[in-house]
Amino acid sequence: MKSAPAARPAPRRPGDPTPTIDRQAASSPTAESRSRAKWAFAGFLALAAFLLVAEHRAHLLGFLPWLLLIACPLLHLFMHRGHGRPSSAGKDPAPGDET
């Protein structure tokens, strides 16, 4: 026994109202698909980082001595900011510093 063919929608005639579609609901991804996309992207980044480190380990390890040389002036610049400034001897002590 044959089933009935699927009904086709009637062709639109000029002047017929256009059907309304909620385009925002149709095009916005669900929270689950966004979460999956984030996990997939994080996995891709982890794989890329691993492959970069594994393939270029010699280049990275050869750069370490230069990092130490760059770190010394940067540490002095940021850690010793008080050099050359007037002292705070004349200021009132902070509330917790009273002796």
C-alpha atoms as a PDB file:
ATOM      1  CA  MET A   1       0.000   0.000   0.000  1.00  0.00           C
ATOM      2  CA  LYS A   2       1.386   3.385  -1.010  1.00  0.00           C
ATOM      3  CA  SER A   3       1.408   6.306   1.338  1.00  0.00           C
ATOM      4  CA  ALA A   4      -0.032   9.621   0.279  1.00  0.00           C
ATOM      5  CA  PRO A   5       2.489  12.111  -1.129  1.00  0.00           C
ATOM      6  CA  ALA A   6       3.508  14.958   1.132  1.00  0.00           C
ATOM      7  CA  ALA A   7       1.316  18.000   0.765  1.00  0.00           C
ATOM      8  CA  ARG A   8       2.988  20.941  -0.919  1.00  0.00           C
ATOM      9  CA  PRO A   9       2.340  24.451   0.267  1.00  0.00           C
ATOM     10  CA  ALA A  10       0.240  26.525  -2.082  1.00  0.00           C
ATOM     11  CA  PRO A  11       2.234  28.982  -4.200  1.00  0.00           C
ATOM     12  CA  ARG A  12       2.228  32.554  -2.961  1.00  0.00           C
ATOM     13  CA  ARG A  13       0.151  35.048  -4.830  1.00  0.00           C
ATOM     14  CA  PRO A  14       0.838  38.780  -4.981  1.00  0.00           C
ATOM     15  CA  GLY A  15      -0.691  40.507  -1.990  1.00  0.00           C
ATOM     16  CA  ASP A  16      -0.494  37.504   0.340  1.00  0.00           C
ATOM     17  CA  PRO A  17       0.996  38.372   3.746  1.00  0.00           C
ATOM     18  CA  THR A  18       4.512  37.067   4.257  1.00  0.00           C
ATOM     19  CA  PRO A  19       4.927  34.500   7.019  1.00  0.00           C
ATOM     20  CA  THR A  20       6.673  35.850  10.099  1.00  0.00           C
ATOM     21  CA  ILE A  21       9.731  34.020  11.363  1.00  0.00           C
ATOM     22  CA  ASP A  22      11.430  34.649  14.684  1.00  0.00           C
ATOM     23  CA  ARG A  23      14.885  35.110  13.169  1.00  0.00           C
ATOM     24  CA  GLN A  24      16.618  35.723  16.492  1.00  0.00           C
ATOM     25  CA  ALA A  25      15.394  32.415  17.944  1.00  0.00           C
ATOM     26  CA  ALA A  26      16.201  30.566  14.722  1.00  0.00           C
ATOM     27  CA  SER A  27      19.757  31.905  14.421  1.00  0.00           C
ATOM     28  CA  SER A  28      20.904  32.075  18.059  1.00  0.00           C
ATOM     29  CA  PRO A  29      22.844  29.035  19.260  1.00  0.00           C
ATOM     30  CA  THR A  30      21.804  27.317  22.437  1.00  0.00           C
ATOM     31  CA  ALA A  31      23.885  27.463  25.598  1.00  0.00           C
ATOM     32  CA  GLU A  32      24.874  23.831  25.121  1.00  0.00           C
ATOM     33  CA  SER A  33      26.303  24.405  21.654  1.00  0.00           C
ATOM     34  CA  ARG A  34      28.228  27.479  22.859  1.00  0.00           C
ATOM     35  CA  SER A  35      29.688  25.433  25.703  1.00  0.00           C
ATOM     36  CA  ARG A  36      30.738  22.689  23.282  1.00  0.00           C
ATOM     37  CA  ALA A  37      32.336  25.265  21.010  1.00  0.00           C
ATOM     38  CA  LYS A  38      34.317  26.708  23.916  1.00  0.00           C
ATOM     39  CA  TRP A  39      35.589  23.262  24.919  1.00  0.00           C
ATOM     40  CA  ALA A  40      36.524  22.452  21.338  1.00  0.00           C
ATOM     41  CA  PHE A  41      38.402  25.744  20.996  1.00  0.00           C
ATOM     42  CA  ALA A  42      40.195  25.186  24.330  1.00  0.00           C
ATOM     43  CA  GLY A  43      41.214  21.704  23.189  1.00  0.00           C
ATOM     44  CA  PHE A  44      42.505  23.088  19.901  1.00  0.00           C
ATOM     45  CA  LEU A  45      44.567  25.725  21.742  1.00  0.00           C
ATOM     46  CA  ALA A  46      46.001  23.123  24.127  1.00  0.00           C
ATOM     47  CA  LEU A  47      46.996  20.874  21.234  1.00  0.00           C
ATOM     48  CA  ALA A  48      48.556  23.771  19.338  1.00  0.00           C
ATOM     49  CA  ALA A  49      50.530  24.883  22.417  1.00  0.00           C
ATOM     50  CA  PHE A  50      51.795  21.343  23.016  1.00  0.00           C
ATOM     51  CA  LEU A  51      52.914  20.930  19.417  1.00  0.00           C
ATOM     52  CA  LEU A  52      54.651  24.310  19.397  1.00  0.00           C
ATOM     53  CA  VAL A  53      56.568  23.513  22.582  1.00  0.00           C
ATOM     54  CA  ALA A  54      57.415  19.970  21.464  1.00  0.00           C
ATOM     55  CA  GLU A  55      58.695  21.038  18.045  1.00  0.00           C
ATOM     56  CA  HIS A  56      60.506  24.211  19.111  1.00  0.00           C
ATOM     57  CA  ARG A  57      61.923  23.188  22.502  1.00  0.00           C
ATOM     58  CA  ALA A  58      65.512  23.918  21.446  1.00  0.00           C
ATOM     59  CA  HIS A  59      64.611  27.461  20.422  1.00  0.00           C
ATOM     60  CA  LEU A  60      62.724  28.091  23.659  1.00  0.00           C
ATOM     61  CA  LEU A  61      65.473  26.739  25.906  1.00  0.00           C
ATOM     62  CA  GLY A  62      68.108  28.763  24.053  1.00  0.00           C
ATOM     63  CA  PHE A  63      66.125  31.920  24.857  1.00  0.00           C
ATOM     64  CA  LEU A  64      66.121  31.385  28.654  1.00  0.00           C
ATOM     65  CA  PRO A  65      69.515  33.059  29.367  1.00  0.00           C
ATOM     66  CA  TRP A  66      68.302  36.180  27.576  1.00  0.00           C
ATOM     67  CA  LEU A  67      65.154  36.195  29.700  1.00  0.00           C
ATOM     68  CA  LEU A  68      67.307  36.351  32.835  1.00  0.00           C
ATOM     69  CA  LEU A  69      69.246  39.304  31.443  1.00  0.00           C
ATOM     70  CA  ILE A  70      66.022  41.117  30.561  1.00  0.00           C
ATOM     71  CA  ALA A  71      64.469  40.293  33.942  1.00  0.00           C
ATOM     72  CA  CYS A  72      67.207  42.035  35.956  1.00  0.00           C
ATOM     73  CA  PRO A  73      66.587  45.600  34.721  1.00  0.00           C
ATOM     74  CA  LEU A  74      62.834  45.068  34.738  1.00  0.00           C
ATOM     75  CA  LEU A  75      62.914  43.921  38.360  1.00  0.00           C
ATOM     76  CA  HIS A  76      64.983  46.937  39.356  1.00  0.00           C
ATOM     77  CA  LEU A  77      62.646  49.232  37.486  1.00  0.00           C
ATOM     78  CA  PHE A  78      59.460  47.901  39.070  1.00  0.00           C
ATOM     79  CA  MET A  79      60.648  46.693  42.488  1.00  0.00           C
ATOM     80  CA  HIS A  80      62.821  49.653  43.475  1.00  0.00           C
ATOM     81  CA  ARG A  81      60.453  52.461  42.614  1.00  0.00           C
ATOM     82  CA  GLY A  82      61.201  54.337  45.827  1.00  0.00           C
ATOM     83  CA  HIS A  83      64.815  55.247  44.942  1.00  0.00           C
ATOM     84  CA  GLY A  84      65.328  58.942  44.435  1.00  0.00           C
ATOM     85  CA  ARG A  85      61.982  60.002  45.896  1.00  0.00           C
ATOM     86  CA  PRO A  86      61.551  61.983  49.090  1.00  0.00           C
ATOM     87  CA  SER A  87      60.950  59.846  52.147  1.00  0.00           C
ATOM     88  CA  SER A  88      57.628  59.706  53.928  1.00  0.00           C
ATOM     89  CA  ALA A  89      59.080  60.648  57.369  1.00  0.00           C
ATOM     90  CA  GLY A  90      56.900  63.744  57.686  1.00  0.00           C
ATOM     91  CA  LYS A  91      53.629  62.010  56.895  1.00  0.00           C
ATOM     92  CA  ASP A  92      51.090  60.830  59.452  1.00  0.00           C
ATOM     93  CA  PRO A  93      51.311  57.090  60.137  1.00  0.00           C
ATOM     94  CA  ALA A  94      48.662  54.837  58.731  1.00  0.00           C
ATOM     95  CA  PRO A  95      45.928  53.765  61.215  1.00  0.00           C
ATOM     96  CA  GLY A  96      47.402  50.279  61.676  1.00  0.00           C
ATOM     97  CA  ASP A  97      51.028  51.517  62.015  1.00  0.00           C
ATOM     98  CA  GLU A  98      50.672  53.341  65.355  1.00  0.00           C
ATOM     99  CA  THR A  99      53.237  52.361  68.006  1.00  0.00           C
END
